[in-house]
Amino acid sequence: MKIISNRFLLKIFTLILFILLGCEVPPGADVSYSIRFDNNSDQNLYLFVNYLYPDTSLPSQKPYLDYVASMHSRNIYSSVKWDKVFDQLPQDTLSLFLIISDSLEIYGWETIATKQKIVARLDLSYNDLDQNSFIVKYP
């Protein structure tokens, strides 16, 4: 029996999500919606967004990670409104995994994923984000 990887499932889910949501803006329009992540810590971080909550495991293969320097911000973009994205999630929650950049360099992705060597996991609902103007502050 072949095991399907989390990365493959995430790709399929993302494709289905965009197909189901359809076109929200006129063709050719360059519109995006964002969640701002503020890294107020003294450590450089990598950020991974998981749309598969309540599955809070990290994928076995290294996914795309956003780098967020200490005392800097990073935007997480969507081409559709976030309420529509959340409507298509398994539950009204996404997870942000925060990984110290040095940890990734020291341990490698396989150890980070299997031993959950993360500094924090933030589980956020649409209401959580909306109440905070789509700004996530850490810590």
N, C-alpha and C. Protein backbone atom coordinates (compact mmCIF):
# COMPACT_ATOMS: atom_id res chain seq x y z
N MET A 1 0.84 -1.19 0.00
CA MET A 1 0.00 0.00 0.00
C MET A 1 0.88 1.24 0.00
N LYS A 2 0.62 2.15 -0.89
CA LYS A 2 1.43 3.36 -1.02
C LYS A 2 0.91 4.43 -0.06
N ILE A 3 1.82 5.07 0.66
CA ILE A 3 1.45 6.12 1.60
C ILE A 3 1.53 7.46 0.88
N ILE A 4 0.49 8.27 1.01
CA ILE A 4 0.45 9.59 0.39
C ILE A 4 1.06 10.59 1.36
N SER A 5 2.01 11.39 0.87
CA SER A 5 2.70 12.34 1.74
C SER A 5 1.82 13.54 2.05
N ASN A 6 2.11 14.19 3.17
CA ASN A 6 1.38 15.40 3.57
C ASN A 6 1.57 16.50 2.52
N ARG A 7 2.76 16.56 1.94
CA ARG A 7 3.03 17.59 0.93
C ARG A 7 2.13 17.41 -0.29
N PHE A 8 1.97 16.16 -0.73
CA PHE A 8 1.10 15.87 -1.86
C PHE A 8 -0.34 16.25 -1.53
N LEU A 9 -0.80 15.87 -0.32
CA LEU A 9 -2.15 16.21 0.11
C LEU A 9 -2.36 17.72 0.16
N LEU A 10 -1.34 18.45 0.64
CA LEU A 10 -1.43 19.91 0.70
C LEU A 10 -1.56 20.51 -0.69
N LYS A 11 -0.81 19.97 -1.65
CA LYS A 11 -0.90 20.46 -3.04
C LYS A 11 -2.30 20.21 -3.61
N ILE A 12 -2.81 19.00 -3.40
CA ILE A 12 -4.15 18.66 -3.90
C ILE A 12 -5.20 19.55 -3.25
N PHE A 13 -5.10 19.71 -1.92
CA PHE A 13 -6.06 20.54 -1.19
C PHE A 13 -6.02 21.97 -1.70
N THR A 14 -4.82 22.52 -1.92
CA THR A 14 -4.69 23.89 -2.41
C THR A 14 -5.32 24.03 -3.79
N LEU A 15 -5.06 23.07 -4.67
CA LEU A 15 -5.64 23.10 -6.01
C LEU A 15 -7.16 23.06 -5.94
N ILE A 16 -7.71 22.17 -5.14
CA ILE A 16 -9.16 22.07 -4.99
C ILE A 16 -9.73 23.35 -4.41
N LEU A 17 -9.03 23.92 -3.45
CA LEU A 17 -9.47 25.16 -2.82
C LEU A 17 -9.62 26.27 -3.86
N PHE A 18 -8.62 26.43 -4.72
CA PHE A 18 -8.70 27.49 -5.71
C PHE A 18 -9.76 27.21 -6.78
N ILE A 19 -9.96 25.97 -7.11
CA ILE A 19 -11.00 25.63 -8.07
C ILE A 19 -12.38 25.93 -7.49
N LEU A 20 -12.59 25.53 -6.23
CA LEU A 20 -13.89 25.75 -5.59
C LEU A 20 -14.19 27.23 -5.37
N LEU A 21 -13.18 28.01 -5.10
CA LEU A 21 -13.41 29.41 -4.80
C LEU A 21 -13.69 30.24 -6.06
N GLY A 22 -13.22 29.76 -7.17
CA GLY A 22 -13.47 30.47 -8.41
C GLY A 22 -12.72 31.80 -8.47
N CYS A 23 -13.15 32.61 -9.35
CA CYS A 23 -12.49 33.89 -9.58
C CYS A 23 -13.21 34.98 -8.79
N GLU A 24 -12.49 35.64 -7.92
CA GLU A 24 -13.10 36.65 -7.08
C GLU A 24 -12.85 38.08 -7.58
N VAL A 25 -11.89 38.22 -8.43
CA VAL A 25 -11.56 39.54 -8.96
C VAL A 25 -11.54 39.46 -10.48
N PRO A 26 -11.66 40.59 -11.15
CA PRO A 26 -11.63 40.56 -12.62
C PRO A 26 -10.32 39.97 -13.14
N PRO A 27 -10.38 39.25 -14.25
CA PRO A 27 -9.17 38.68 -14.82
C PRO A 27 -8.13 39.77 -15.05
N GLY A 28 -6.89 39.46 -14.72
CA GLY A 28 -5.80 40.41 -14.90
C GLY A 28 -5.57 41.33 -13.72
N ALA A 29 -6.53 41.40 -12.80
CA ALA A 29 -6.37 42.26 -11.63
C ALA A 29 -5.36 41.63 -10.68
N ASP A 30 -4.51 42.46 -10.11
CA ASP A 30 -3.49 41.99 -9.19
C ASP A 30 -3.92 42.35 -7.77
N VAL A 31 -4.73 41.47 -7.16
CA VAL A 31 -5.26 41.72 -5.84
C VAL A 31 -4.80 40.60 -4.93
N SER A 32 -4.41 40.96 -3.72
CA SER A 32 -4.06 39.93 -2.74
C SER A 32 -4.53 40.36 -1.36
N TYR A 33 -4.71 39.37 -0.53
CA TYR A 33 -5.14 39.59 0.85
C TYR A 33 -4.04 39.01 1.72
N SER A 34 -3.76 39.67 2.84
CA SER A 34 -2.61 39.20 3.61
C SER A 34 -2.90 39.09 5.10
N ILE A 35 -2.11 38.22 5.70
CA ILE A 35 -2.01 38.12 7.15
C ILE A 35 -0.58 38.56 7.45
N ARG A 36 -0.43 39.54 8.31
CA ARG A 36 0.92 40.01 8.66
C ARG A 36 1.40 39.28 9.91
N PHE A 37 2.58 38.71 9.82
CA PHE A 37 3.20 38.04 10.96
C PHE A 37 4.34 38.93 11.46
N ASP A 38 4.27 39.36 12.71
CA ASP A 38 5.30 40.20 13.33
C ASP A 38 6.16 39.34 14.25
N ASN A 39 7.43 39.23 13.92
CA ASN A 39 8.37 38.49 14.77
C ASN A 39 9.00 39.49 15.73
N ASN A 40 8.45 39.57 16.93
CA ASN A 40 8.96 40.49 17.96
C ASN A 40 9.96 39.80 18.88
N SER A 41 10.45 38.66 18.48
CA SER A 41 11.42 37.93 19.30
C SER A 41 12.84 38.32 18.90
N ASP A 42 13.79 37.83 19.67
CA ASP A 42 15.19 38.11 19.37
C ASP A 42 15.81 37.00 18.53
N GLN A 43 14.98 36.12 17.96
CA GLN A 43 15.48 35.02 17.15
C GLN A 43 14.91 35.07 15.74
N ASN A 44 15.72 34.70 14.78
CA ASN A 44 15.25 34.57 13.41
C ASN A 44 14.43 33.29 13.31
N LEU A 45 13.34 33.35 12.58
CA LEU A 45 12.41 32.23 12.51
C LEU A 45 12.13 31.82 11.07
N TYR A 46 11.71 30.56 10.93
CA TYR A 46 11.07 30.10 9.71
C TYR A 46 9.61 29.87 10.06
N LEU A 47 8.75 30.16 9.12
CA LEU A 47 7.31 30.07 9.31
C LEU A 47 6.73 29.10 8.29
N PHE A 48 5.95 28.14 8.78
CA PHE A 48 5.25 27.21 7.91
C PHE A 48 3.76 27.32 8.19
N VAL A 49 2.95 27.48 7.15
CA VAL A 49 1.49 27.58 7.29
C VAL A 49 0.88 26.23 6.92
N ASN A 50 0.12 25.66 7.86
CA ASN A 50 -0.55 24.38 7.63
C ASN A 50 -2.06 24.64 7.57
N TYR A 51 -2.66 24.28 6.44
CA TYR A 51 -4.09 24.48 6.23
C TYR A 51 -4.90 23.22 6.54
N LEU A 52 -4.27 22.21 7.14
CA LEU A 52 -4.91 20.91 7.33
C LEU A 52 -5.35 20.65 8.77
N TYR A 53 -5.45 21.69 9.60
CA TYR A 53 -5.88 21.51 10.98
C TYR A 53 -7.19 20.73 11.00
N PRO A 54 -7.38 19.73 11.82
CA PRO A 54 -6.69 19.42 13.08
C PRO A 54 -5.44 18.56 12.94
N ASP A 55 -5.00 18.25 11.72
CA ASP A 55 -3.74 17.54 11.55
C ASP A 55 -2.62 18.55 11.82
N THR A 56 -1.96 18.40 12.95
CA THR A 56 -0.93 19.36 13.34
C THR A 56 0.47 18.77 13.20
N SER A 57 0.60 17.74 12.38
CA SER A 57 1.93 17.19 12.14
C SER A 57 2.61 17.99 11.03
N LEU A 58 3.92 18.00 11.08
CA LEU A 58 4.69 18.63 10.02
C LEU A 58 4.86 17.62 8.89
N PRO A 59 4.90 18.08 7.64
CA PRO A 59 5.08 17.14 6.52
C PRO A 59 6.47 16.49 6.60
N SER A 60 6.56 15.26 6.11
CA SER A 60 7.83 14.54 6.16
C SER A 60 8.86 15.16 5.22
N GLN A 61 8.42 15.69 4.10
CA GLN A 61 9.32 16.39 3.19
C GLN A 61 9.29 17.87 3.49
N LYS A 62 10.44 18.51 3.43
CA LYS A 62 10.54 19.92 3.76
C LYS A 62 9.66 20.76 2.82
N PRO A 63 8.71 21.52 3.40
CA PRO A 63 7.85 22.39 2.60
C PRO A 63 8.52 23.75 2.38
N TYR A 64 7.83 24.61 1.67
CA TYR A 64 8.30 25.98 1.55
C TYR A 64 8.17 26.64 2.92
N LEU A 65 9.23 27.32 3.34
CA LEU A 65 9.24 28.02 4.63
C LEU A 65 9.54 29.49 4.39
N ASP A 66 8.78 30.35 5.06
CA ASP A 66 9.05 31.80 5.01
C ASP A 66 10.04 32.15 6.09
N TYR A 67 11.07 32.90 5.72
CA TYR A 67 12.06 33.37 6.69
C TYR A 67 11.59 34.72 7.25
N VAL A 68 11.61 34.84 8.58
CA VAL A 68 11.21 36.09 9.23
C VAL A 68 12.32 36.47 10.21
N ALA A 69 13.07 37.50 9.88
CA ALA A 69 14.17 37.94 10.73
C ALA A 69 13.63 38.49 12.05
N SER A 70 14.48 38.46 13.05
CA SER A 70 14.15 39.02 14.36
C SER A 70 13.71 40.47 14.20
N MET A 71 12.62 40.82 14.88
CA MET A 71 12.09 42.18 14.88
C MET A 71 11.64 42.66 13.49
N HIS A 72 11.23 41.71 12.64
CA HIS A 72 10.72 42.03 11.31
C HIS A 72 9.36 41.38 11.10
N SER A 73 8.75 41.71 9.98
CA SER A 73 7.43 41.17 9.64
C SER A 73 7.49 40.45 8.31
N ARG A 74 6.51 39.58 8.11
CA ARG A 74 6.35 38.86 6.85
C ARG A 74 4.86 38.73 6.58
N ASN A 75 4.46 38.91 5.33
CA ASN A 75 3.06 38.75 4.96
C ASN A 75 2.82 37.37 4.37
N ILE A 76 1.68 36.81 4.73
CA ILE A 76 1.21 35.56 4.15
C ILE A 76 0.08 35.97 3.21
N TYR A 77 0.26 35.73 1.93
CA TYR A 77 -0.68 36.22 0.93
C TYR A 77 -1.66 35.17 0.45
N SER A 78 -2.83 35.64 0.06
CA SER A 78 -3.83 34.82 -0.61
C SER A 78 -4.43 35.65 -1.73
N SER A 79 -4.74 34.99 -2.84
CA SER A 79 -5.38 35.71 -3.94
C SER A 79 -6.89 35.79 -3.77
N VAL A 80 -7.41 35.09 -2.77
CA VAL A 80 -8.84 35.15 -2.45
C VAL A 80 -8.99 35.65 -1.02
N LYS A 81 -10.15 36.15 -0.71
CA LYS A 81 -10.39 36.66 0.64
C LYS A 81 -10.24 35.53 1.66
N TRP A 82 -9.72 35.90 2.82
CA TRP A 82 -9.43 34.89 3.83
C TRP A 82 -10.68 34.17 4.34
N ASP A 83 -11.82 34.85 4.38
CA ASP A 83 -13.03 34.16 4.84
C ASP A 83 -13.38 33.01 3.90
N LYS A 84 -13.15 33.20 2.60
CA LYS A 84 -13.41 32.14 1.63
C LYS A 84 -12.41 30.99 1.79
N VAL A 85 -11.16 31.33 2.09
CA VAL A 85 -10.15 30.29 2.34
C VAL A 85 -10.57 29.46 3.54
N PHE A 86 -10.96 30.13 4.62
CA PHE A 86 -11.34 29.42 5.85
C PHE A 86 -12.60 28.59 5.66
N ASP A 87 -13.50 29.02 4.78
CA ASP A 87 -14.71 28.24 4.50
C ASP A 87 -14.37 26.87 3.92
N GLN A 88 -13.22 26.75 3.26
CA GLN A 88 -12.84 25.51 2.59
C GLN A 88 -11.91 24.64 3.43
N LEU A 89 -11.51 25.10 4.60
CA LEU A 89 -10.61 24.33 5.45
C LEU A 89 -11.38 23.20 6.16
N PRO A 90 -10.67 22.13 6.55
CA PRO A 90 -11.33 21.05 7.29
C PRO A 90 -12.02 21.55 8.55
N GLN A 91 -11.39 22.51 9.23
CA GLN A 91 -12.01 23.21 10.36
C GLN A 91 -11.66 24.68 10.20
N ASP A 92 -12.31 25.54 10.94
CA ASP A 92 -12.11 26.98 10.82
C ASP A 92 -10.80 27.39 11.49
N THR A 93 -9.71 26.74 11.14
CA THR A 93 -8.44 26.99 11.80
C THR A 93 -7.29 26.66 10.86
N LEU A 94 -6.26 27.49 10.91
CA LEU A 94 -5.00 27.14 10.28
C LEU A 94 -3.92 27.20 11.36
N SER A 95 -2.81 26.54 11.11
CA SER A 95 -1.72 26.49 12.08
C SER A 95 -0.49 27.16 11.50
N LEU A 96 0.15 27.99 12.30
CA LEU A 96 1.44 28.56 11.95
C LEU A 96 2.49 27.88 12.82
N PHE A 97 3.43 27.22 12.18
CA PHE A 97 4.53 26.59 12.89
C PHE A 97 5.72 27.52 12.84
N LEU A 98 6.31 27.79 13.99
CA LEU A 98 7.47 28.67 14.08
C LEU A 98 8.69 27.83 14.44
N ILE A 99 9.72 27.95 13.64
CA ILE A 99 10.93 27.16 13.79
C ILE A 99 12.11 28.12 13.87
N ILE A 100 12.92 27.97 14.89
CA ILE A 100 14.11 28.81 15.02
C ILE A 100 15.05 28.46 13.87
N SER A 101 15.54 29.47 13.16
CA SER A 101 16.35 29.22 11.97
C SER A 101 17.59 28.39 12.29
N ASP A 102 18.23 28.63 13.42
CA ASP A 102 19.41 27.84 13.80
C ASP A 102 19.06 26.37 13.99
N SER A 103 17.87 26.08 14.50
CA SER A 103 17.45 24.69 14.71
C SER A 103 17.38 23.94 13.40
N LEU A 104 16.86 24.59 12.38
CA LEU A 104 16.76 23.95 11.07
C LEU A 104 18.15 23.64 10.53
N GLU A 105 19.07 24.57 10.70
CA GLU A 105 20.43 24.36 10.22
C GLU A 105 21.15 23.27 11.02
N ILE A 106 20.89 23.19 12.31
CA ILE A 106 21.56 22.20 13.16
C ILE A 106 20.97 20.80 12.98
N TYR A 107 19.64 20.69 13.04
CA TYR A 107 18.99 19.38 13.06
C TYR A 107 18.55 18.87 11.70
N GLY A 108 18.26 19.77 10.78
CA GLY A 108 17.72 19.35 9.48
C GLY A 108 16.22 19.14 9.57
N TRP A 109 15.56 19.11 8.41
CA TRP A 109 14.10 19.04 8.38
C TRP A 109 13.56 17.74 8.97
N GLU A 110 14.17 16.61 8.65
CA GLU A 110 13.63 15.33 9.11
C GLU A 110 13.49 15.29 10.63
N THR A 111 14.50 15.75 11.35
CA THR A 111 14.45 15.77 12.81
C THR A 111 13.43 16.80 13.30
N ILE A 112 13.40 17.96 12.66
CA ILE A 112 12.41 18.99 13.04
C ILE A 112 11.00 18.41 12.93
N ALA A 113 10.73 17.72 11.81
CA ALA A 113 9.39 17.19 11.56
C ALA A 113 9.03 16.04 12.49
N THR A 114 9.93 15.10 12.66
CA THR A 114 9.59 13.91 13.44
C THR A 114 9.56 14.19 14.94
N LYS A 115 10.39 15.10 15.39
CA LYS A 115 10.45 15.38 16.83
C LYS A 115 9.74 16.69 17.20
N GLN A 116 9.07 17.29 16.21
CA GLN A 116 8.33 18.55 16.43
C GLN A 116 9.20 19.60 17.14
N LYS A 117 10.41 19.79 16.63
CA LYS A 117 11.33 20.77 17.23
C LYS A 117 10.94 22.17 16.73
N ILE A 118 9.86 22.65 17.27
CA ILE A 118 9.36 23.97 16.91
C ILE A 118 9.37 24.84 18.16
N VAL A 119 9.45 26.14 17.96
CA VAL A 119 9.41 27.05 19.11
C VAL A 119 7.96 27.34 19.51
N ALA A 120 7.05 27.28 18.53
CA ALA A 120 5.64 27.52 18.83
C ALA A 120 4.78 27.06 17.65
N ARG A 121 3.54 26.72 17.98
CA ARG A 121 2.52 26.46 16.97
C ARG A 121 1.33 27.33 17.34
N LEU A 122 0.92 28.18 16.41
CA LEU A 122 -0.21 29.08 16.65
C LEU A 122 -1.39 28.58 15.83
N ASP A 123 -2.45 28.15 16.49
CA ASP A 123 -3.67 27.71 15.82
C ASP A 123 -4.64 28.89 15.81
N LEU A 124 -4.97 29.35 14.61
CA LEU A 124 -5.74 30.59 14.46
C LEU A 124 -7.01 30.37 13.65
N SER A 125 -8.12 30.82 14.19
CA SER A 125 -9.38 30.77 13.46
C SER A 125 -9.53 32.08 12.67
N TYR A 126 -10.51 32.08 11.79
CA TYR A 126 -10.79 33.30 11.04
C TYR A 126 -11.14 34.44 12.02
N ASN A 127 -11.96 34.14 13.04
CA ASN A 127 -12.33 35.17 14.02
C ASN A 127 -11.12 35.70 14.77
N ASP A 128 -10.19 34.82 15.13
CA ASP A 128 -8.96 35.28 15.79
C ASP A 128 -8.24 36.32 14.93
N LEU A 129 -8.10 35.99 13.66
CA LEU A 129 -7.40 36.90 12.75
C LEU A 129 -8.17 38.19 12.53
N ASP A 130 -9.48 38.07 12.32
CA ASP A 130 -10.31 39.24 12.08
C ASP A 130 -10.28 40.21 13.27
N GLN A 131 -10.35 39.66 14.49
CA GLN A 131 -10.32 40.50 15.70
C GLN A 131 -9.00 41.22 15.88
N ASN A 132 -7.94 40.69 15.27
CA ASN A 132 -6.62 41.31 15.38
C ASN A 132 -6.17 41.96 14.07
N SER A 133 -7.13 42.33 13.25
CA SER A 133 -6.87 43.01 11.97
C SER A 133 -5.90 42.24 11.07
N PHE A 134 -5.97 40.91 11.15
CA PHE A 134 -5.12 40.02 10.35
C PHE A 134 -3.63 40.27 10.60
N ILE A 135 -3.34 40.55 11.87
CA ILE A 135 -1.95 40.71 12.32
C ILE A 135 -1.71 39.69 13.42
N VAL A 136 -0.66 38.90 13.25
CA VAL A 136 -0.25 37.91 14.25
C VAL A 136 1.08 38.37 14.82
N LYS A 137 1.11 38.52 16.13
CA LYS A 137 2.34 38.97 16.80
C LYS A 137 2.94 37.83 17.60
N TYR A 138 4.25 37.66 17.45
CA TYR A 138 4.95 36.66 18.24
C TYR A 138 6.17 37.29 18.87
N PRO A 139 6.48 37.07 20.12
CA PRO A 139 5.57 36.50 21.12
C PRO A 139 4.54 37.51 21.55
